[in-house]
Protein backbone atom coordinates (compact mmCIF):
# COMPACT_ATOMS: atom_id res chain seq x y z
CA MET A 1 -10.47 26.30 -7.20
CA LYS A 2 -7.07 25.03 -8.35
CA ILE A 3 -5.35 22.07 -6.68
CA PRO A 4 -1.75 20.97 -7.39
CA ILE A 5 -1.60 17.30 -8.37
CA TYR A 6 1.35 14.94 -8.82
CA GLN A 7 1.36 11.37 -10.10
CA VAL A 8 4.15 9.25 -8.64
CA ASP A 9 5.20 5.65 -9.25
CA ALA A 10 6.00 4.22 -5.81
CA PHE A 11 8.24 1.31 -4.80
CA THR A 12 10.27 1.62 -7.98
CA SER A 13 12.99 3.78 -9.52
CA GLU A 14 11.54 3.56 -13.06
CA VAL A 15 8.34 5.01 -14.48
CA PHE A 16 5.71 2.56 -15.73
CA SER A 17 6.43 0.16 -12.86
CA GLY A 18 5.68 0.13 -9.14
CA ASN A 19 2.32 1.49 -7.99
CA PRO A 20 1.04 4.84 -9.30
CA ALA A 21 -0.55 7.21 -6.81
CA ALA A 22 -1.92 10.72 -7.13
CA VAL A 23 -0.94 13.31 -4.52
CA CYS A 24 -3.08 16.44 -4.10
CA ILE A 25 -1.97 19.32 -1.87
CA LEU A 26 -4.83 21.34 -0.35
CA ASP A 27 -4.81 24.64 1.52
CA SER A 28 -7.59 23.26 3.76
CA TRP A 29 -10.00 20.33 3.71
CA ILE A 30 -12.79 20.44 1.16
CA ASP A 31 -16.03 18.45 1.18
CA ASP A 32 -15.55 14.67 1.33
CA LYS A 33 -17.74 14.23 -1.75
CA GLN A 34 -15.33 16.42 -3.71
CA LEU A 35 -12.38 14.36 -2.47
CA GLN A 36 -14.11 11.19 -3.62
CA PHE A 37 -14.98 12.72 -7.01
CA ILE A 38 -11.34 13.67 -7.53
CA ALA A 39 -10.14 10.16 -6.61
CA ALA A 40 -12.69 8.62 -8.97
CA GLU A 41 -11.63 10.98 -11.77
CA ASN A 42 -7.96 10.09 -11.20
CA ASN A 43 -8.94 6.40 -11.39
CA LEU A 44 -5.77 5.21 -9.65
CA SER A 45 -5.74 2.70 -6.82
CA GLU A 46 -5.22 5.59 -4.38
CA THR A 47 -5.23 9.37 -4.30
CA ALA A 48 -3.59 11.01 -1.28
CA PHE A 49 -4.74 14.39 0.02
CA LEU A 50 -2.45 16.55 2.16
CA VAL A 51 -3.15 19.58 4.36
CA ARG A 52 -0.37 21.31 6.30
CA ASN A 53 -0.64 21.25 10.11
CA GLU A 54 1.52 22.51 12.96
CA ASP A 55 3.84 19.45 12.98
CA GLY A 56 3.69 18.23 9.40
CA PHE A 57 0.69 17.23 7.34
CA ASP A 58 -2.75 15.72 7.72
CA LEU A 59 -3.09 12.82 5.29
CA ARG A 60 -6.09 10.96 3.88
CA TRP A 61 -6.32 8.30 1.17
CA PHE A 62 -9.15 7.51 -1.27
CA THR A 63 -9.60 4.73 -3.82
CA PRO A 64 -11.92 5.46 -6.76
CA THR A 65 -14.83 4.26 -4.61
CA THR A 66 -14.04 4.81 -0.91
CA GLU A 67 -11.76 6.26 1.77
CA VAL A 68 -9.30 3.76 3.27
CA ALA A 69 -7.73 3.56 6.73
CA LEU A 70 -4.13 3.07 5.60
CA CYS A 71 -2.22 3.19 2.32
CA GLY A 72 1.50 2.64 2.04
CA HIS A 73 2.35 3.47 -1.55
CA ALA A 74 0.40 6.74 -1.51
CA THR A 75 2.16 7.70 1.74
CA LEU A 76 5.51 6.99 0.08
CA ALA A 77 4.38 9.03 -2.94
CA SER A 78 3.30 11.91 -0.67
CA ALA A 79 6.67 12.01 1.06
CA PHE A 80 8.44 11.88 -2.30
CA VAL A 81 6.46 14.87 -3.54
CA LEU A 82 7.24 16.87 -0.41
CA PHE A 83 10.96 16.05 -0.51
CA ALA A 84 11.56 16.20 -4.27
CA CYS A 85 9.00 18.71 -5.53
CA GLN A 86 8.19 20.91 -2.52
CA GLN A 87 11.73 21.10 -1.07
CA TRP A 88 10.75 19.92 2.41
CA PRO A 89 13.79 21.06 4.46
CA GLU A 90 13.99 18.29 7.09
CA GLU A 91 15.02 14.63 6.85
CA ASN A 92 11.67 13.36 8.14
CA ILE A 93 8.00 14.15 7.64
CA ARG A 94 5.19 13.46 10.10
CA PHE A 95 1.74 12.59 8.86
CA ARG A 96 -1.37 12.74 11.06
CA THR A 97 -4.07 10.31 9.92
CA ARG A 98 -7.65 9.77 11.02
CA LYS A 99 -7.62 5.99 11.33
CA SER A 100 -3.96 4.90 11.60
CA GLY A 101 -2.49 7.40 14.04
CA GLN A 102 0.79 9.19 13.51
CA LEU A 103 2.99 8.02 10.63
CA ALA A 104 6.52 9.13 9.79
CA VAL A 105 8.67 8.96 6.67
CA VAL A 106 12.44 9.42 6.84
CA LYS A 107 14.72 10.09 3.89
CA GLN A 108 17.57 7.55 3.91
CA TYR A 109 19.84 8.35 0.94
CA ASP A 110 17.87 7.11 -2.11
CA LEU A 111 15.24 5.30 -0.01
CA LEU A 112 12.19 6.63 1.80
CA GLU A 113 11.53 4.75 5.05
CA MET A 114 7.99 4.60 6.43
CA ASP A 115 7.20 3.80 10.06
CA PHE A 116 3.85 1.98 10.17
CA PRO A 117 1.89 -0.04 12.74
CA ALA A 118 2.36 -3.81 12.58
CA ARG A 119 -0.81 -5.80 11.93
CA PRO A 120 0.00 -9.35 13.06
CA ALA A 121 -1.98 -12.19 11.50
CA HIS A 122 -4.03 -14.65 13.51
CA ALA A 123 -5.24 -18.16 12.72
CA LEU A 124 -8.53 -18.24 10.85
CA ALA A 125 -10.79 -20.84 9.30
CA PRO A 126 -10.88 -20.18 5.52
CA PRO A 127 -13.97 -18.07 4.73
CA ALA A 128 -16.62 -19.57 2.52
CA GLY A 129 -15.82 -19.21 -1.16
CA LEU A 130 -12.17 -18.19 -0.75
CA GLU A 131 -10.58 -21.29 -2.31
CA GLU A 132 -12.98 -21.21 -5.25
CA ALA A 133 -12.41 -17.46 -5.79
CA LEU A 134 -8.63 -17.85 -5.88
CA GLY A 135 -8.67 -21.12 -7.82
CA VAL A 136 -5.82 -22.54 -5.76
CA VAL A 137 -5.42 -24.74 -2.70
CA GLN A 138 -4.03 -22.65 0.14
CA LYS A 139 -1.34 -23.89 2.51
CA GLU A 140 -2.52 -21.69 5.41
CA VAL A 141 -5.05 -18.88 5.90
CA PHE A 142 -4.85 -16.10 8.49
CA GLY A 143 -6.90 -13.05 9.40
CA SER A 144 -5.66 -9.56 10.26
CA ALA A 145 -7.11 -6.14 11.07
CA GLU A 146 -8.62 -5.78 7.59
CA ASP A 147 -7.20 -8.37 5.20
CA LEU A 148 -6.90 -12.11 4.73
CA LEU A 149 -3.42 -13.61 4.44
CA VAL A 150 -3.22 -16.72 2.26
CA VAL A 151 0.07 -18.65 2.23
CA LEU A 152 0.90 -20.71 -0.86
CA ASP A 153 3.63 -23.28 -1.52
CA SER A 154 5.85 -21.36 -3.93
CA GLU A 155 6.54 -18.12 -5.78
CA LYS A 156 5.38 -19.88 -8.95
CA ALA A 157 2.00 -20.61 -7.35
CA VAL A 158 1.61 -16.95 -6.36
CA ARG A 159 2.45 -15.78 -9.90
CA GLU A 160 -0.04 -18.16 -11.49
CA VAL A 161 -3.13 -17.24 -9.43
CA GLN A 162 -5.94 -15.86 -11.61
CA PRO A 163 -8.75 -14.89 -9.23
CA ASP A 164 -12.44 -14.82 -10.00
CA PHE A 165 -12.90 -11.21 -8.87
CA ASN A 166 -16.70 -11.40 -8.78
CA ALA A 167 -16.45 -14.37 -6.41
CA LEU A 168 -13.66 -12.76 -4.39
CA ARG A 169 -15.77 -9.63 -3.90
CA ARG A 170 -18.23 -11.77 -1.90
CA VAL A 171 -15.57 -12.96 0.57
CA GLU A 172 -15.80 -10.98 3.83
CA CYS A 173 -12.63 -8.87 4.07
CA ARG A 174 -11.16 -5.62 2.76
CA GLY A 175 -8.60 -7.46 0.65
CA THR A 176 -6.78 -10.74 0.14
CA ILE A 177 -3.00 -11.09 0.36
CA ILE A 178 -1.40 -14.15 -1.24
CA THR A 179 2.22 -14.89 -0.37
CA ALA A 180 5.04 -17.44 -0.47
CA GLN A 181 8.76 -17.60 0.19
CA GLY A 182 10.58 -15.98 -2.72
CA ASP A 183 13.08 -17.37 -5.19
CA ARG A 184 15.09 -14.11 -5.33
CA SER A 185 13.79 -12.42 -2.19
CA ASP A 186 12.72 -13.38 1.31
CA PHE A 187 9.08 -13.41 0.27
CA VAL A 188 6.74 -12.44 -2.55
CA SER A 189 3.12 -11.35 -2.52
CA ARG A 190 0.14 -10.13 -4.50
CA PHE A 191 -2.89 -8.20 -3.23
CA PHE A 192 -6.50 -8.28 -4.41
CA ALA A 193 -9.17 -5.84 -3.15
CA PRO A 194 -12.21 -5.81 -5.46
CA GLN A 195 -14.35 -4.90 -2.43
CA VAL A 196 -12.84 -1.39 -2.49
CA GLY A 197 -12.60 -1.02 -6.26
CA ILE A 198 -9.06 -2.42 -6.75
CA PRO A 199 -9.07 -5.85 -8.45
CA GLU A 200 -5.27 -6.18 -8.09
CA ASP A 201 -3.07 -3.54 -6.48
CA PRO A 202 0.38 -3.31 -8.12
CA VAL A 203 2.35 -2.73 -4.89
CA THR A 204 0.75 -2.49 -1.46
CA GLY A 205 2.48 -0.94 1.53
CA SER A 206 -0.33 -1.64 4.00
CA SER A 207 -0.38 -5.37 3.23
CA HIS A 208 3.25 -5.51 4.37
CA CYS A 209 2.10 -4.47 7.84
CA VAL A 210 0.70 -8.01 7.92
CA LEU A 211 3.37 -9.72 5.81
CA ILE A 212 6.40 -8.45 7.73
CA PRO A 213 5.44 -9.85 11.19
CA TYR A 214 4.43 -13.15 9.58
CA TRP A 215 7.63 -13.68 7.59
CA ALA A 216 9.85 -12.33 10.38
CA SER A 217 8.46 -15.11 12.58
CA VAL A 218 8.67 -17.83 9.92
CA LEU A 219 12.17 -16.94 8.69
CA ARG A 220 13.45 -15.86 12.13
CA LYS A 221 14.90 -12.61 10.84
CA ASN A 222 13.80 -9.00 11.18
CA ASP A 223 15.30 -7.47 8.03
CA LEU A 224 13.45 -8.68 4.96
CA HIS A 225 13.61 -8.11 1.20
CA ALA A 226 10.20 -8.31 -0.48
CA LEU A 227 8.90 -8.31 -4.04
CA GLN A 228 5.28 -7.75 -4.99
CA ILE A 229 4.96 -9.73 -8.19
CA SER A 230 2.05 -8.02 -9.90
CA LYS A 231 2.32 -7.19 -13.60
CA ARG A 232 4.00 -3.83 -12.82
CA GLY A 233 5.96 -5.21 -9.86
CA GLY A 234 7.61 -3.47 -6.95
CA GLU A 235 10.44 -3.83 -4.42
CA LEU A 236 10.28 -3.21 -0.68
CA PHE A 237 12.92 -3.28 2.07
CA CYS A 238 11.33 -4.20 5.39
CA THR A 239 12.18 -4.31 9.08
CA HIS A 240 10.15 -5.79 11.93
CA ILE A 241 10.43 -3.82 15.19
CA GLY A 242 7.78 -5.27 17.49
CA GLU A 243 4.56 -3.30 17.33
CA ARG A 244 5.85 -1.27 14.36
CA VAL A 245 7.28 -2.09 10.96
CA LYS A 246 9.56 -0.08 8.71
CA ILE A 247 8.86 -0.22 4.99
CA SER A 248 11.33 1.40 2.61
CA GLY A 249 11.27 1.98 -1.12
CA LYS A 250 12.04 4.32 -3.97
CA ALA A 251 9.71 6.52 -6.01
CA VAL A 252 9.78 8.47 -9.26
CA LEU A 253 7.71 11.37 -10.60
CA TYR A 254 5.59 10.62 -13.66
CA MET A 255 3.44 13.74 -14.00
CA GLN A 256 2.47 17.00 -12.33
CA GLY A 257 -0.26 19.51 -13.05
CA THR A 258 -3.26 21.37 -11.70
CA ILE A 259 -6.85 20.27 -11.03
CA THR A 260 -9.38 22.98 -11.91
CA ILE A 261 -12.79 22.74 -10.27
């Protein structure tokens, strides 16, 4: 069996930055164990798998250790591959997912705009061990559908966090978002998810489903410019539209080839 594979850096216009994702195009679904083996072999934060359907594509995402319910950067990478490498003829692509419903990506000049569900944060008592795992005093802590949202005082504080990943793995959540108002952007963030095999994710689309409603409320504006200030870094252009959010970014092809199994 031969499977086309592409590696794309998402939320950037330059290779070696943004968040790398693998995109695999299948004729039909193969065994889930095989999907997980491929994602583990790729050893990227996410591998996206696509299968053509009557309206667009079925889409699933796997980390090296598990399937996830929603992944932004690998969705952006998938759309980029279809537009740039597969000559998708329309201006939008519909993705059918198992756990996050219908998603859409629209080509807007040099940006790809994703339409995702909003995941508003709610007040939460800090879970046991969180402050010690992050090594920083949090300003506020919120919960969301899967992740914790930790608000810090400044961009500098977000940059300087050095988590104890073993301790953070014991905190009950999928991942931990840390955020603050930005110096050069509306807000900045970082995302840690050792529970699903990703100590720090370079740029995380799904975390912005939580971040956008929060910062739209705090800053009283719906159009937001965001930077994820990981080592690789990434840039996102965001819009809050009630129960949905729009997350836009660029992407660039790093590599393409064929998996042989």
